[in-house]
Structure formats: C-alpha cells, structure tokens
Amino acid sequence: MDLQGASASGASGASLELASLKLAKSQQEQEGKASLQLLESAADVPKSSSSNPALGANIDTFA
C-alpha cells in the first residue's frame, strides 16, 4: 500500500480546490467592478428639470 501516493493526491486536490477558489474570487471581484461601473454610469444620466414641478405630473388617459 502506497501512502505517499494517497497523500500526494490529497495535496493535489487541495491545491486544485485553492486554485478554483482564487478563480471564483477573481470572477466575483470583476463582476462587482462591472456592477459598480454600471451603477455609476446610470447615476450620470441627467434628470430633466423644469421650472414647473407639476408639469408632467398628470397623465391624460382619455383617448
């Protein structure tokens, strides 16, 4: 029975798991940055301003 091979396999599995976790973290960080960029770009949209705040408050639904 070769115990060294079993422990090497376990260490290899642990290193693969660690690499997978690092990739997942990197992907989450990239998605977070993309989400923040999207939110910031949406915040840059100018809001329409009018001297009369009631303008556009009522919608005529009669056809």
C-alpha atoms as a PDB file:
ATOM      1  CA  MET A   1       0.000   0.000   0.000  1.00  0.00           C
ATOM      2  CA  ASP A   2       1.463   3.335  -1.070  1.00  0.00           C
ATOM      3  CA  LEU A   3       0.516   6.056   1.418  1.00  0.00           C
ATOM      4  CA  GLN A   4       2.700   8.673  -0.195  1.00  0.00           C
ATOM      5  CA  GLY A   5       0.657   8.489  -3.388  1.00  0.00           C
ATOM      6  CA  ALA A   6      -2.566   8.957  -1.464  1.00  0.00           C
ATOM      7  CA  SER A   7      -1.267  11.991   0.413  1.00  0.00           C
ATOM      8  CA  ALA A   8       0.147  13.494  -2.762  1.00  0.00           C
ATOM      9  CA  SER A   9      -3.238  13.034  -4.390  1.00  0.00           C
ATOM     10  CA  GLY A  10      -4.889  14.747  -1.428  1.00  0.00           C
ATOM     11  CA  ALA A  11      -2.446  17.635  -1.609  1.00  0.00           C
ATOM     12  CA  SER A  12      -3.049  17.917  -5.335  1.00  0.00           C
ATOM     13  CA  GLY A  13      -6.798  18.014  -4.738  1.00  0.00           C
ATOM     14  CA  ALA A  14      -6.347  20.707  -2.097  1.00  0.00           C
ATOM     15  CA  SER A  15      -4.210  22.821  -4.435  1.00  0.00           C
ATOM     16  CA  LEU A  16      -6.788  22.430  -7.200  1.00  0.00           C
ATOM     17  CA  GLU A  17      -9.502  23.489  -4.769  1.00  0.00           C
ATOM     18  CA  LEU A  18      -7.446  26.528  -3.744  1.00  0.00           C
ATOM     19  CA  ALA A  19      -6.895  27.489  -7.375  1.00  0.00           C
ATOM     20  CA  SER A  20     -10.618  27.133  -8.022  1.00  0.00           C
ATOM     21  CA  LEU A  21     -11.433  29.367  -5.054  1.00  0.00           C
ATOM     22  CA  LYS A  22      -8.960  32.003  -6.268  1.00  0.00           C
ATOM     23  CA  LEU A  23     -10.564  31.983  -9.716  1.00  0.00           C
ATOM     24  CA  ALA A  24     -14.038  32.287  -8.201  1.00  0.00           C
ATOM     25  CA  LYS A  25     -12.915  35.219  -6.053  1.00  0.00           C
ATOM     26  CA  SER A  26     -11.347  36.932  -9.053  1.00  0.00           C
ATOM     27  CA  GLN A  27     -14.533  36.490 -11.064  1.00  0.00           C
ATOM     28  CA  GLN A  28     -16.650  37.899  -8.224  1.00  0.00           C
ATOM     29  CA  GLU A  29     -14.371  40.931  -7.988  1.00  0.00           C
ATOM     30  CA  GLN A  30     -14.652  41.525 -11.741  1.00  0.00           C
ATOM     31  CA  GLU A  31     -18.448  41.232 -11.592  1.00  0.00           C
ATOM     32  CA  GLY A  32     -18.522  43.621  -8.636  1.00  0.00           C
ATOM     33  CA  LYS A  33     -16.437  46.179 -10.517  1.00  0.00           C
ATOM     34  CA  ALA A  34     -18.691  45.843 -13.553  1.00  0.00           C
ATOM     35  CA  SER A  35     -21.783  46.339 -11.372  1.00  0.00           C
ATOM     36  CA  LEU A  36     -20.306  49.435  -9.756  1.00  0.00           C
ATOM     37  CA  GLN A  37     -19.374  50.830 -13.156  1.00  0.00           C
ATOM     38  CA  LEU A  38     -22.926  50.241 -14.389  1.00  0.00           C
ATOM     39  CA  LEU A  39     -24.394  51.967 -11.337  1.00  0.00           C
ATOM     40  CA  GLU A  40     -22.039  54.922 -11.715  1.00  0.00           C
ATOM     41  CA  SER A  41     -22.882  55.299 -15.392  1.00  0.00           C
ATOM     42  CA  ALA A  42     -26.600  55.222 -14.556  1.00  0.00           C
ATOM     43  CA  ALA A  43     -26.064  57.942 -11.944  1.00  0.00           C
ATOM     44  CA  ASP A  44     -24.553  60.211 -14.626  1.00  0.00           C
ATOM     45  CA  VAL A  45     -27.831  60.397 -16.563  1.00  0.00           C
ATOM     46  CA  PRO A  46     -29.105  63.959 -16.195  1.00  0.00           C
ATOM     47  CA  LYS A  47     -32.559  64.326 -14.707  1.00  0.00           C
ATOM     48  CA  SER A  48     -34.956  66.582 -16.542  1.00  0.00           C
ATOM     49  CA  SER A  49     -35.607  69.771 -14.692  1.00  0.00           C
ATOM     50  CA  SER A  50     -38.454  72.153 -15.199  1.00  0.00           C
ATOM     51  CA  SER A  51     -39.399  75.466 -13.656  1.00  0.00           C
ATOM     52  CA  ASN A  52     -42.857  73.998 -13.063  1.00  0.00           C
ATOM     53  CA  PRO A  53     -42.629  70.823 -10.927  1.00  0.00           C
ATOM     54  CA  ALA A  54     -46.276  69.951 -11.635  1.00  0.00           C
ATOM     55  CA  LEU A  55     -45.516  69.719 -15.349  1.00  0.00           C
ATOM     56  CA  GLY A  56     -45.840  66.094 -16.387  1.00  0.00           C
ATOM     57  CA  ALA A  57     -47.267  65.026 -13.032  1.00  0.00           C
ATOM     58  CA  ASN A  58     -50.677  64.226 -14.537  1.00  0.00           C
ATOM     59  CA  ILE A  59     -51.176  61.800 -17.379  1.00  0.00           C
ATOM     60  CA  ASP A  60     -54.176  62.178 -19.647  1.00  0.00           C
ATOM     61  CA  THR A  61     -55.586  58.670 -20.164  1.00  0.00           C
ATOM     62  CA  PHE A  62     -58.539  59.634 -22.357  1.00  0.00           C
ATOM     63  CA  ALA A  63     -58.231  58.683 -25.981  1.00  0.00           C
END
